[in-house]
C-alpha atoms as a PDB file:
ATOM      1  CA  MET A   1       0.000   0.000   0.000  1.00  0.00           C
ATOM      2  CA  LYS A   2       1.347   3.409  -0.981  1.00  0.00           C
ATOM      3  CA  LYS A   3       2.162   5.815   1.833  1.00  0.00           C
ATOM      4  CA  SER A   4      -0.229   8.465   0.502  1.00  0.00           C
ATOM      5  CA  THR A   5      -3.086   5.951   0.330  1.00  0.00           C
ATOM      6  CA  ARG A   6      -2.358   4.722   3.838  1.00  0.00           C
ATOM      7  CA  ILE A   7      -2.414   8.269   5.204  1.00  0.00           C
ATOM      8  CA  CYS A   8      -5.763   8.975   3.527  1.00  0.00           C
ATOM      9  CA  LEU A   9      -7.307   5.824   4.962  1.00  0.00           C
ATOM     10  CA  ILE A  10      -5.987   6.622   8.429  1.00  0.00           C
ATOM     11  CA  ALA A  11      -7.468  10.099   8.199  1.00  0.00           C
ATOM     12  CA  LEU A  12     -10.803   8.674   7.013  1.00  0.00           C
ATOM     13  CA  VAL A  13     -10.991   6.209   9.895  1.00  0.00           C
ATOM     14  CA  ALA A  14     -10.098   8.951  12.372  1.00  0.00           C
ATOM     15  CA  LEU A  15     -12.767  11.225  10.896  1.00  0.00           C
ATOM     16  CA  MET A  16     -15.386   8.470  11.176  1.00  0.00           C
ATOM     17  CA  ILE A  17     -14.555   7.915  14.831  1.00  0.00           C
ATOM     18  CA  LEU A  18     -14.626  11.636  15.644  1.00  0.00           C
ATOM     19  CA  SER A  19     -17.926  12.170  13.815  1.00  0.00           C
ATOM     20  CA  LEU A  20     -19.818   9.412  15.622  1.00  0.00           C
ATOM     21  CA  PRO A  21     -21.093  11.695  18.398  1.00  0.00           C
ATOM     22  CA  LEU A  22     -22.486  14.072  15.738  1.00  0.00           C
ATOM     23  CA  VAL A  23     -24.293  11.593  13.507  1.00  0.00           C
ATOM     24  CA  VAL A  24     -25.507   9.093  16.107  1.00  0.00           C
ATOM     25  CA  PRO A  25     -27.956  10.021  18.877  1.00  0.00           C
ATOM     26  CA  SER A  26     -26.333  10.311  22.269  1.00  0.00           C
ATOM     27  CA  GLY A  27     -26.055   6.924  23.900  1.00  0.00           C
ATOM     28  CA  ALA A  28     -26.790   5.057  20.680  1.00  0.00           C
ATOM     29  CA  VAL A  29     -23.229   3.835  20.427  1.00  0.00           C
ATOM     30  CA  LEU A  30     -23.157   1.413  23.260  1.00  0.00           C
ATOM     31  CA  ASN A  31     -20.002   1.054  25.287  1.00  0.00           C
ATOM     32  CA  ASP A  32     -19.686  -2.634  24.405  1.00  0.00           C
ATOM     33  CA  SER A  33     -19.983  -1.936  20.674  1.00  0.00           C
ATOM     34  CA  TYR A  34     -17.506   0.918  20.814  1.00  0.00           C
ATOM     35  CA  ALA A  35     -15.056  -1.224  22.751  1.00  0.00           C
ATOM     36  CA  ALA A  36     -15.444  -4.053  20.264  1.00  0.00           C
ATOM     37  CA  PHE A  37     -14.779  -1.638  17.401  1.00  0.00           C
ATOM     38  CA  MET A  38     -11.614  -0.336  19.036  1.00  0.00           C
ATOM     39  CA  ASP A  39     -10.465  -3.851  19.878  1.00  0.00           C
ATOM     40  CA  PHE A  40     -10.746  -4.755  16.212  1.00  0.00           C
ATOM     41  CA  ALA A  41      -9.178  -1.538  14.979  1.00  0.00           C
ATOM     42  CA  TRP A  42      -6.063  -1.950  17.112  1.00  0.00           C
ATOM     43  CA  ASP A  43      -5.860  -5.737  17.165  1.00  0.00           C
ATOM     44  CA  SER A  44      -2.684  -7.250  15.660  1.00  0.00           C
ATOM     45  CA  GLU A  45      -4.798  -8.545  12.761  1.00  0.00           C
ATOM     46  CA  GLY A  46      -7.123  -5.541  12.622  1.00  0.00           C
ATOM     47  CA  LEU A  47      -7.519  -2.479  10.505  1.00  0.00           C
ATOM     48  CA  MET A  48      -5.032  -0.177  12.193  1.00  0.00           C
ATOM     49  CA  THR A  49      -2.292  -2.772  11.938  1.00  0.00           C
ATOM     50  CA  LEU A  50      -2.831  -2.925   8.204  1.00  0.00           C
ATOM     51  CA  LEU A  51      -2.857   0.852   7.839  1.00  0.00           C
ATOM     52  CA  VAL A  52      -0.213   1.989  10.307  1.00  0.00           C
ATOM     53  CA  PRO A  53       3.419   0.884   9.984  1.00  0.00           C
ATOM     54  CA  CYS A  54       3.826  -0.949  13.291  1.00  0.00           C
ATOM     55  CA  ALA A  55       6.958  -0.729  15.391  1.00  0.00           C
ATOM     56  CA  HIS A  56       6.327  -3.838  17.455  1.00  0.00           C
ATOM     57  CA  ALA A  57       9.389  -4.837  19.473  1.00  0.00           C
ATOM     58  CA  GLU A  58       9.297  -8.358  18.091  1.00  0.00           C
ATOM     59  CA  ASN A  59       9.611  -7.056  14.519  1.00  0.00           C
ATOM     60  CA  ALA A  60      12.277  -4.466  15.192  1.00  0.00           C
ATOM     61  CA  ALA A  61      15.098  -6.966  15.398  1.00  0.00           C
ATOM     62  CA  GLU A  62      14.002  -8.711  12.207  1.00  0.00           C
ATOM     63  CA  GLU A  63      13.975  -5.402  10.381  1.00  0.00           C
ATOM     64  CA  ALA A  64      17.502  -4.718  11.666  1.00  0.00           C
ATOM     65  CA  ALA A  65      18.810  -7.948  10.112  1.00  0.00           C
ATOM     66  CA  CYS A  66      19.649  -7.864   6.422  1.00  0.00           C
ATOM     67  CA  SER A  67      21.491  -9.646   3.657  1.00  0.00           C
ATOM     68  CA  LEU A  68      25.158  -8.834   3.348  1.00  0.00           C
ATOM     69  CA  PRO A  69      26.723  -7.926   0.000  1.00  0.00           C
ATOM     70  CA  ILE A  70      28.519 -10.665  -1.883  1.00  0.00           C
ATOM     71  CA  ASP A  71      31.912  -8.994  -1.861  1.00  0.00           C
ATOM     72  CA  PHE A  72      34.822  -8.512   0.502  1.00  0.00           C
ATOM     73  CA  THR A  73      33.212  -5.918   2.741  1.00  0.00           C
ATOM     74  CA  PRO A  74      33.195  -6.965   6.419  1.00  0.00           C
ATOM     75  CA  GLY A  75      30.187  -8.419   8.153  1.00  0.00           C
ATOM     76  CA  MET A  76      28.235  -6.340  10.633  1.00  0.00           C
ATOM     77  CA  LYS A  77      29.957  -5.610  13.914  1.00  0.00           C
ATOM     78  CA  PRO A  78      28.752  -8.264  16.399  1.00  0.00           C
ATOM     79  CA  ASN A  79      27.006  -7.159  19.567  1.00  0.00           C
ATOM     80  CA  PRO A  80      29.356  -7.694  22.546  1.00  0.00           C
ATOM     81  CA  ALA A  81      26.312  -8.535  24.679  1.00  0.00           C
ATOM     82  CA  GLY A  82      25.605 -11.505  22.403  1.00  0.00           C
ATOM     83  CA  PHE A  83      28.759 -13.383  23.396  1.00  0.00           C
ATOM     84  CA  THR A  84      28.888 -16.005  26.126  1.00  0.00           C
ATOM     85  CA  GLU A  85      31.605 -18.449  27.090  1.00  0.00           C
ATOM     86  CA  ASP A  86      30.123 -21.084  24.823  1.00  0.00           C
ATOM     87  CA  GLY A  87      28.584 -19.158  21.970  1.00  0.00           C
ATOM     88  CA  TYR A  88      27.015 -16.106  20.419  1.00  0.00           C
ATOM     89  CA  GLN A  89      23.479 -15.148  19.486  1.00  0.00           C
ATOM     90  CA  ASP A  90      21.670 -12.258  17.868  1.00  0.00           C
ATOM     91  CA  ASP A  91      18.662 -12.125  15.574  1.00  0.00           C
ATOM     92  CA  SER A  92      20.665 -13.241  12.541  1.00  0.00           C
ATOM     93  CA  ILE A  93      23.083 -15.872  13.841  1.00  0.00           C
ATOM     94  CA  THR A  94      23.451 -18.478  16.575  1.00  0.00           C
ATOM     95  CA  ILE A  95      26.746 -20.174  17.394  1.00  0.00           C
ATOM     96  CA  LYS A  96      27.177 -22.892  19.997  1.00  0.00           C
ATOM     97  CA  LEU A  97      30.610 -24.169  20.969  1.00  0.00           C
ATOM     98  CA  GLU A  98      31.440 -27.604  22.297  1.00  0.00           C
ATOM     99  CA  THR A  99      34.639 -29.417  23.269  1.00  0.00           C
ATOM    100  CA  ARG A 100      34.831 -33.201  23.316  1.00  0.00           C
ATOM    101  CA  GLU A 101      37.642 -35.491  24.364  1.00  0.00           C
ATOM    102  CA  GLU A 102      37.343 -38.932  22.815  1.00  0.00           C
ATOM    103  CA  ASP A 103      39.963 -41.666  22.379  1.00  0.00           C
ATOM    104  CA  GLY A 104      42.857 -39.343  23.008  1.00  0.00           C
ATOM    105  CA  VAL A 105      41.603 -36.605  20.685  1.00  0.00           C
ATOM    106  CA  VAL A 106      40.376 -33.121  21.577  1.00  0.00           C
ATOM    107  CA  TRP A 107      37.584 -31.980  19.262  1.00  0.00           C
ATOM    108  CA  ARG A 108      36.565 -28.331  18.949  1.00  0.00           C
ATOM    109  CA  ILE A 109      33.058 -28.022  17.525  1.00  0.00           C
ATOM    110  CA  ALA A 110      31.127 -24.913  16.479  1.00  0.00           C
ATOM    111  CA  TYR A 111      27.474 -25.288  15.472  1.00  0.00           C
ATOM    112  CA  VAL A 112      26.293 -22.358  13.360  1.00  0.00           C
ATOM    113  CA  GLU A 113      22.836 -21.284  12.224  1.00  0.00           C
ATOM    114  CA  ILE A 114      22.393 -18.168  10.103  1.00  0.00           C
ATOM    115  CA  ALA A 115      19.410 -16.241   8.805  1.00  0.00           C
ATOM    116  CA  ASP A 116      20.830 -15.546   5.354  1.00  0.00           C
ATOM    117  CA  ALA A 117      23.323 -17.376   3.150  1.00  0.00           C
ATOM    118  CA  SER A 118      25.395 -14.205   2.755  1.00  0.00           C
ATOM    119  CA  GLN A 119      26.508 -14.538   6.386  1.00  0.00           C
ATOM    120  CA  MET A 120      28.793 -17.444   5.473  1.00  0.00           C
ATOM    121  CA  ARG A 121      31.669 -15.586   3.909  1.00  0.00           C
ATOM    122  CA  THR A 122      35.311 -15.721   2.950  1.00  0.00           C
ATOM    123  CA  GLY A 123      38.004 -13.199   3.739  1.00  0.00           C
ATOM    124  CA  ILE A 124      41.320 -12.759   1.969  1.00  0.00           C
ATOM    125  CA  ALA A 125      44.678 -11.486   3.155  1.00  0.00           C
ATOM    126  CA  GLY A 126      45.292  -9.141   0.241  1.00  0.00           C
ATOM    127  CA  SER A 127      43.096  -6.575  -1.445  1.00  0.00           C
ATOM    128  CA  LYS A 128      42.530  -8.847  -4.461  1.00  0.00           C
ATOM    129  CA  VAL A 129      41.946 -12.582  -4.798  1.00  0.00           C
ATOM    130  CA  SER A 130      44.944 -12.766  -7.113  1.00  0.00           C
ATOM    131  CA  SER A 131      47.222 -11.401  -4.405  1.00  0.00           C
ATOM    132  CA  SER A 132      49.903 -13.682  -2.993  1.00  0.00           C
ATOM    133  CA  ARG A 133      49.768 -11.963   0.376  1.00  0.00           C
ATOM    134  CA  THR A 134      49.142 -13.943   3.545  1.00  0.00           C
ATOM    135  CA  ALA A 135      47.913 -12.986   6.999  1.00  0.00           C
ATOM    136  CA  LEU A 136      46.935 -14.627  10.258  1.00  0.00           C
ATOM    137  CA  VAL A 137      43.372 -15.916  10.494  1.00  0.00           C
ATOM    138  CA  SER A 138      43.115 -14.066  13.803  1.00  0.00           C
ATOM    139  CA  SER A 139      44.018 -10.790  12.057  1.00  0.00           C
ATOM    140  CA  MET A 140      41.615 -11.406   9.179  1.00  0.00           C
ATOM    141  CA  ALA A 141      38.860 -12.294  11.657  1.00  0.00           C
ATOM    142  CA  GLU A 142      39.228  -8.892  13.277  1.00  0.00           C
ATOM    143  CA  LYS A 143      39.373  -7.116   9.915  1.00  0.00           C
ATOM    144  CA  TYR A 144      36.152  -8.738   8.694  1.00  0.00           C
ATOM    145  CA  ASN A 145      34.149  -8.582  11.969  1.00  0.00           C
ATOM    146  CA  ALA A 146      33.991 -12.379  12.107  1.00  0.00           C
ATOM    147  CA  VAL A 147      32.022 -13.955  14.927  1.00  0.00           C
ATOM    148  CA  LEU A 148      33.651 -17.294  14.054  1.00  0.00           C
ATOM    149  CA  ALA A 149      36.502 -17.842  11.596  1.00  0.00           C
ATOM    150  CA  ILE A 150      38.336 -20.945  10.394  1.00  0.00           C
ATOM    151  CA  SER A 151      41.193 -21.629   8.026  1.00  0.00           C
ATOM    152  CA  GLY A 152      40.232 -22.344   4.419  1.00  0.00           C
ATOM    153  CA  ASP A 153      42.302 -24.182   1.809  1.00  0.00           C
ATOM    154  CA  TYR A 154      45.227 -21.736   1.539  1.00  0.00           C
ATOM    155  CA  TYR A 155      44.851 -21.494  -2.242  1.00  0.00           C
ATOM    156  CA  THR A 156      48.058 -19.500  -2.791  1.00  0.00           C
ATOM    157  CA  ASN A 157      50.041 -22.406  -1.337  1.00  0.00           C
ATOM    158  CA  ASP A 158      49.487 -24.461  -4.525  1.00  0.00           C
ATOM    159  CA  PRO A 159      52.565 -23.820  -6.682  1.00  0.00           C
ATOM    160  CA  ASN A 160      50.969 -25.411  -9.763  1.00  0.00           C
ATOM    161  CA  LYS A 161      47.746 -23.365  -9.538  1.00  0.00           C
ATOM    162  CA  THR A 162      45.731 -26.449 -10.494  1.00  0.00           C
ATOM    163  CA  THR A 163      42.706 -25.842  -8.287  1.00  0.00           C
ATOM    164  CA  PHE A 164      39.116 -24.662  -8.583  1.00  0.00           C
ATOM    165  CA  GLU A 165      38.735 -21.560  -6.407  1.00  0.00           C
ATOM    166  CA  TYR A 166      36.090 -18.871  -5.965  1.00  0.00           C
ATOM    167  CA  ARG A 167      35.906 -16.291  -3.190  1.00  0.00           C
ATOM    168  CA  MET A 168      32.755 -14.212  -2.675  1.00  0.00           C
ATOM    169  CA  GLY A 169      31.701 -14.651  -6.290  1.00  0.00           C
ATOM    170  CA  ASN A 170      35.152 -13.826  -7.637  1.00  0.00           C
ATOM    171  CA  LYS A 171      36.904 -16.461  -9.714  1.00  0.00           C
ATOM    172  CA  VAL A 172      40.454 -17.108  -8.553  1.00  0.00           C
ATOM    173  CA  ARG A 173      40.979 -19.997 -10.976  1.00  0.00           C
ATOM    174  CA  ASN A 174      38.805 -22.788 -12.342  1.00  0.00           C
ATOM    175  CA  LYS A 175      41.163 -25.571 -13.295  1.00  0.00           C
ATOM    176  CA  SER A 176      40.024 -29.063 -12.440  1.00  0.00           C
ATOM    177  CA  ASN A 177      42.315 -31.324 -10.466  1.00  0.00           C
ATOM    178  CA  ARG A 178      41.416 -34.972 -10.874  1.00  0.00           C
ATOM    179  CA  LYS A 179      43.335 -35.922  -7.763  1.00  0.00           C
ATOM    180  CA  LYS A 180      41.451 -33.568  -5.447  1.00  0.00           C
ATOM    181  CA  ASP A 181      37.851 -33.096  -4.323  1.00  0.00           C
ATOM    182  CA  ILE A 182      36.013 -29.780  -4.662  1.00  0.00           C
ATOM    183  CA  LEU A 183      33.506 -28.028  -2.409  1.00  0.00           C
ATOM    184  CA  ILE A 184      31.226 -25.442  -4.036  1.00  0.00           C
ATOM    185  CA  ILE A 185      28.945 -23.240  -1.930  1.00  0.00           C
ATOM    186  CA  ASP A 186      26.097 -21.691  -3.905  1.00  0.00           C
ATOM    187  CA  GLU A 187      23.933 -18.589  -3.496  1.00  0.00           C
ATOM    188  CA  ASN A 188      21.625 -20.428  -1.077  1.00  0.00           C
ATOM    189  CA  GLY A 189      24.495 -21.457   1.172  1.00  0.00           C
ATOM    190  CA  ASP A 190      24.165 -25.092   0.049  1.00  0.00           C
ATOM    191  CA  PHE A 191      27.183 -27.373  -0.302  1.00  0.00           C
ATOM    192  CA  HIS A 192      27.974 -29.325  -3.462  1.00  0.00           C
ATOM    193  CA  LEU A 193      30.796 -31.881  -3.374  1.00  0.00           C
ATOM    194  CA  PHE A 194      32.687 -33.228  -6.370  1.00  0.00           C
ATOM    195  CA  VAL A 195      34.919 -36.261  -5.844  1.00  0.00           C
ATOM    196  CA  LYS A 196      38.135 -36.054  -7.865  1.00  0.00           C
ATOM    197  CA  SER A 197      36.648 -33.026  -9.640  1.00  0.00           C
ATOM    198  CA  ASP A 198      33.906 -35.223 -11.158  1.00  0.00           C
ATOM    199  CA  ALA A 199      33.496 -33.692 -14.633  1.00  0.00           C
ATOM    200  CA  ASP A 200      29.965 -35.015 -15.249  1.00  0.00           C
ATOM    201  CA  LYS A 201      28.681 -33.796 -11.910  1.00  0.00           C
ATOM    202  CA  MET A 202      30.370 -30.419 -12.457  1.00  0.00           C
ATOM    203  CA  ALA A 203      28.699 -30.122 -15.852  1.00  0.00           C
ATOM    204  CA  ALA A 204      25.306 -30.882 -14.301  1.00  0.00           C
ATOM    205  CA  PHE A 205      25.909 -28.249 -11.644  1.00  0.00           C
ATOM    206  CA  ASN A 206      26.828 -25.672 -14.291  1.00  0.00           C
ATOM    207  CA  LYS A 207      23.490 -26.323 -16.010  1.00  0.00           C
ATOM    208  CA  SER A 208      21.529 -26.063 -12.762  1.00  0.00           C
ATOM    209  CA  GLY A 209      21.436 -22.271 -12.755  1.00  0.00           C
ATOM    210  CA  HIS A 210      23.125 -21.958  -9.376  1.00  0.00           C
ATOM    211  CA  THR A 211      25.708 -19.280  -8.716  1.00  0.00           C
ATOM    212  CA  ILE A 212      29.115 -20.134  -7.289  1.00  0.00           C
ATOM    213  CA  VAL A 213      29.815 -17.921  -4.296  1.00  0.00           C
ATOM    214  CA  ASN A 214      32.756 -19.814  -2.808  1.00  0.00           C
ATOM    215  CA  ALA A 215      34.684 -22.884  -3.971  1.00  0.00           C
ATOM    216  CA  PHE A 216      37.577 -24.804  -2.448  1.00  0.00           C
ATOM    217  CA  THR A 217      39.921 -27.524  -3.648  1.00  0.00           C
ATOM    218  CA  PHE A 218      41.284 -29.624  -0.823  1.00  0.00           C
ATOM    219  CA  GLY A 219      39.332 -32.549   0.581  1.00  0.00           C
ATOM    220  CA  PRO A 220      38.673 -35.304   0.714  1.00  0.00           C
ATOM    221  CA  ALA A 221      34.891 -35.215   0.773  1.00  0.00           C
ATOM    222  CA  LEU A 222      33.823 -36.790   4.058  1.00  0.00           C
ATOM    223  CA  VAL A 223      30.019 -37.031   3.779  1.00  0.00           C
ATOM    224  CA  ILE A 224      27.969 -36.637   0.585  1.00  0.00           C
ATOM    225  CA  ASP A 225      24.170 -36.389   0.635  1.00  0.00           C
ATOM    226  CA  GLY A 226      24.101 -37.953   4.079  1.00  0.00           C
ATOM    227  CA  VAL A 227      26.269 -40.912   3.050  1.00  0.00           C
ATOM    228  CA  LEU A 228      29.523 -41.556   4.908  1.00  0.00           C
ATOM    229  CA  GLN A 229      32.452 -41.702   2.502  1.00  0.00           C
ATOM    230  CA  THR A 230      35.238 -44.248   2.593  1.00  0.00           C
ATOM    231  CA  THR A 231      38.216 -41.957   2.226  1.00  0.00           C
ATOM    232  CA  ASP A 232      40.957 -42.680  -0.299  1.00  0.00           C
ATOM    233  CA  LYS A 233      43.999 -44.108   1.480  1.00  0.00           C
ATOM    234  CA  ASP A 234      46.206 -42.641  -1.254  1.00  0.00           C
ATOM    235  CA  TYR A 235      44.728 -39.134  -1.048  1.00  0.00           C
ATOM    236  CA  GLY A 236      47.107 -36.261  -0.330  1.00  0.00           C
ATOM    237  CA  TYR A 237      47.746 -34.624   3.030  1.00  0.00           C
ATOM    238  CA  ASN A 238      48.897 -37.757   4.883  1.00  0.00           C
ATOM    239  CA  PRO A 239      45.431 -39.380   4.912  1.00  0.00           C
ATOM    240  CA  ASN A 240      46.384 -42.275   7.177  1.00  0.00           C
ATOM    241  CA  GLY A 241      48.429 -40.235   9.633  1.00  0.00           C
ATOM    242  CA  LYS A 242      47.133 -38.684  12.819  1.00  0.00           C
ATOM    243  CA  GLU A 243      47.222 -34.949  12.176  1.00  0.00           C
ATOM    244  CA  PRO A 244      45.401 -31.796  13.251  1.00  0.00           C
ATOM    245  CA  ARG A 245      42.399 -31.527  10.914  1.00  0.00           C
ATOM    246  CA  MET A 246      39.828 -28.896   9.993  1.00  0.00           C
ATOM    247  CA  ALA A 247      36.447 -29.694   8.472  1.00  0.00           C
ATOM    248  CA  ILE A 248      33.225 -27.899   7.629  1.00  0.00           C
ATOM    249  CA  GLY A 249      29.823 -29.522   7.194  1.00  0.00           C
ATOM    250  CA  GLN A 250      26.265 -28.617   6.284  1.00  0.00           C
ATOM    251  CA  MET A 251      23.631 -30.149   8.533  1.00  0.00           C
ATOM    252  CA  ASP A 252      20.494 -28.534   7.101  1.00  0.00           C
ATOM    253  CA  THR A 253      19.359 -25.369   5.357  1.00  0.00           C
ATOM    254  CA  LEU A 254      21.566 -22.525   6.672  1.00  0.00           C
ATOM    255  CA  SER A 255      22.805 -24.860   9.421  1.00  0.00           C
ATOM    256  CA  TYR A 256      26.492 -25.769   9.598  1.00  0.00           C
ATOM    257  CA  VAL A 257      29.205 -27.179  11.800  1.00  0.00           C
ATOM    258  CA  CYS A 258      32.925 -26.396  11.909  1.00  0.00           C
ATOM    259  CA  VAL A 259      35.187 -28.997  13.487  1.00  0.00           C
ATOM    260  CA  LEU A 260      38.834 -28.824  14.481  1.00  0.00           C
ATOM    261  CA  ALA A 261      40.542 -31.998  15.633  1.00  0.00           C
ATOM    262  CA  GLU A 262      43.554 -30.946  17.659  1.00  0.00           C
ATOM    263  CA  GLY A 263      46.820 -32.753  17.104  1.00  0.00           C
ATOM    264  CA  ARG A 264      50.543 -32.641  17.746  1.00  0.00           C
ATOM    265  CA  THR A 265      49.914 -31.821  21.415  1.00  0.00           C
ATOM    266  CA  GLU A 266      50.359 -33.758  24.633  1.00  0.00           C
ATOM    267  CA  ASP A 267      46.604 -34.077  25.032  1.00  0.00           C
ATOM    268  CA  SER A 268      45.553 -34.778  21.449  1.00  0.00           C
ATOM    269  CA  ALA A 269      47.186 -37.028  18.869  1.00  0.00           C
ATOM    270  CA  GLY A 270      45.189 -35.883  15.844  1.00  0.00           C
ATOM    271  CA  VAL A 271      43.083 -37.990  13.477  1.00  0.00           C
ATOM    272  CA  THR A 272      43.116 -39.684  10.069  1.00  0.00           C
ATOM    273  CA  HIS A 273      40.808 -38.661   7.241  1.00  0.00           C
ATOM    274  CA  GLN A 274      38.521 -41.613   7.910  1.00  0.00           C
ATOM    275  CA  THR A 275      38.225 -40.829  11.619  1.00  0.00           C
ATOM    276  CA  LEU A 276      37.318 -37.253  10.699  1.00  0.00           C
ATOM    277  CA  ALA A 277      34.739 -38.502   8.207  1.00  0.00           C
ATOM    278  CA  ASN A 278      33.186 -40.790  10.818  1.00  0.00           C
ATOM    279  CA  PHE A 279      33.025 -37.906  13.290  1.00  0.00           C
ATOM    280  CA  MET A 280      31.300 -35.534  10.848  1.00  0.00           C
ATOM    281  CA  TYR A 281      28.829 -38.240   9.892  1.00  0.00           C
ATOM    282  CA  ASP A 282      28.018 -38.961  13.535  1.00  0.00           C
ATOM    283  CA  LEU A 283      27.361 -35.248  14.097  1.00  0.00           C
ATOM    284  CA  GLY A 284      24.602 -35.461  11.497  1.00  0.00           C
ATOM    285  CA  CYS A 285      26.213 -33.731   8.521  1.00  0.00           C
ATOM    286  CA  MET A 286      24.518 -34.063   5.157  1.00  0.00           C
ATOM    287  CA  GLN A 287      27.658 -32.769   3.451  1.00  0.00           C
ATOM    288  CA  ALA A 288      31.154 -32.517   4.950  1.00  0.00           C
ATOM    289  CA  PHE A 289      34.540 -31.542   3.564  1.00  0.00           C
ATOM    290  CA  ASN A 290      38.097 -31.624   4.857  1.00  0.00           C
ATOM    291  CA  LEU A 291      39.959 -28.305   4.726  1.00  0.00           C
ATOM    292  CA  ASP A 292      43.653 -27.523   5.182  1.00  0.00           C
ATOM    293  CA  GLY A 293      44.894 -29.081   8.397  1.00  0.00           C
ATOM    294  CA  GLY A 294      48.240 -29.515  10.119  1.00  0.00           C
ATOM    295  CA  ASN A 295      49.645 -26.255  11.419  1.00  0.00           C
ATOM    296  CA  THR A 296      47.205 -24.396   9.157  1.00  0.00           C
ATOM    297  CA  ALA A 297      44.149 -25.566  11.134  1.00  0.00           C
ATOM    298  CA  THR A 298      42.913 -22.547  13.054  1.00  0.00           C
ATOM    299  CA  MET A 299      39.606 -21.638  14.706  1.00  0.00           C
ATOM    300  CA  VAL A 300      38.965 -18.152  16.070  1.00  0.00           C
ATOM    301  CA  PHE A 301      35.886 -17.171  18.071  1.00  0.00           C
ATOM    302  CA  ASN A 302      35.304 -13.647  19.366  1.00  0.00           C
ATOM    303  CA  GLY A 303      38.895 -12.745  18.567  1.00  0.00           C
ATOM    304  CA  GLN A 304      40.324 -15.636  20.602  1.00  0.00           C
ATOM    305  CA  TYR A 305      41.746 -18.989  19.536  1.00  0.00           C
ATOM    306  CA  TYR A 306      39.339 -21.826  20.209  1.00  0.00           C
ATOM    307  CA  GLN A 307      42.044 -24.482  20.429  1.00  0.00           C
ATOM    308  CA  THR A 308      44.965 -25.509  22.575  1.00  0.00           C
ATOM    309  CA  GLY A 309      48.407 -24.013  22.136  1.00  0.00           C
ATOM    310  CA  LYS A 310      47.664 -21.702  19.210  1.00  0.00           C
ATOM    311  CA  THR A 311      49.114 -18.200  19.565  1.00  0.00           C
ATOM    312  CA  ALA A 312      49.901 -15.329  17.247  1.00  0.00           C
ATOM    313  CA  THR A 313      53.556 -16.363  17.362  1.00  0.00           C
ATOM    314  CA  ASN A 314      52.967 -19.890  16.063  1.00  0.00           C
ATOM    315  CA  GLU A 315      49.856 -19.363  13.907  1.00  0.00           C
ATOM    316  CA  ARG A 316      50.548 -19.992  10.236  1.00  0.00           C
ATOM    317  CA  PRO A 317      49.811 -17.040   7.902  1.00  0.00           C
ATOM    318  CA  GLN A 318      47.322 -17.920   5.166  1.00  0.00           C
ATOM    319  CA  SER A 319      45.786 -16.447   2.054  1.00  0.00           C
ATOM    320  CA  ASP A 320      42.162 -16.810   3.090  1.00  0.00           C
ATOM    321  CA  MET A 321      39.632 -17.881   5.688  1.00  0.00           C
ATOM    322  CA  ILE A 322      35.991 -18.915   5.998  1.00  0.00           C
ATOM    323  CA  TYR A 323      33.949 -16.933   8.485  1.00  0.00           C
ATOM    324  CA  PHE A 324      30.436 -16.351   9.777  1.00  0.00           C
ATOM    325  CA  ALA A 325      29.167 -12.820  10.360  1.00  0.00           C
ATOM    326  CA  SER A 326      26.252 -11.069  11.980  1.00  0.00           C
ATOM    327  CA  ALA A 327      23.751  -9.368   9.672  1.00  0.00           C
ATOM    328  CA  VAL A 328      22.233  -7.129  12.353  1.00  0.00           C
ATOM    329  CA  ASP A 329      22.857  -3.419  11.892  1.00  0.00           C
ATOM    330  CA  PRO A 330      24.768  -2.184  14.967  1.00  0.00           C
ATOM    331  CA  SER A 331      22.549   0.893  15.080  1.00  0.00           C
ATOM    332  CA  SER A 332      19.813  -1.381  16.446  1.00  0.00           C
ATOM    333  CA  TRP A 333      21.813  -2.098  19.624  1.00  0.00           C
ATOM    334  CA  GLU A 334      24.396   0.675  19.976  1.00  0.00           C
ATOM    335  CA  ASN A 335      23.618   3.515  22.369  1.00  0.00           C
END
């Protein structure tokens, strides 16, 4: 409804109410009838609600949340009051942290639910995706207002440049690598996994009409369409060795989990690819993908490392990161 039309209707209703004493004999408008009329007029489903732009408290927060641009601008500044020791919450994002110790391994788990796909983002160390610059994930997390940030696939570390990479809709390179698996994240925030750069499946995806927002070449794929994968024992990245590992999974629409398996410490030996796959499957992932691990594996929450022994002095600089951001305008909670 146009604003001018709404104003006219409001004025008409007001005029009708004010004229009742003039056109109706005194006492003819019974109290019960008048009260019923006013109840209807101001009821949440009534006339005034349709005519007057409401500022109900329950809608204010929703109006403050918005989609973020698909580019390298930072996310919205998170509300400090939304942080707790084990998570963060505002009207656009919920993060819950969990630590498990199982069979000599320390697992760091972050469950993430977002309101809009644009809140799952990537940040880069340089000003352009083609830059060879690197930076600490902790520094990039601060730069991009990340609530939660994890290491990506460190695409500049591939000397042969034979990977399929997109960052925030920008193509870095799109060469297939038949020895590596690919993760594509589309405009809806949905994961698509391609084992050994499956050419037929890639062709079908290209015809689907989806947009590539982010894409990574690392792997292996751990869970595909809810099916646990038997990981390739000859895959790269020491698949059968116990190493620190980083993985990301999609559990449902706009629902994700980031997992870091600590390793190379006194308290945690690390895991193989298959153990990581089993863990992601048991968490309930529909899709799950292994990212760069070893000393690269980094998880930052609220500007702090969510892992044992990681400091700014021993964190490995990287080209990129994956992060989750708030989409609530700070003006809704500042002051």
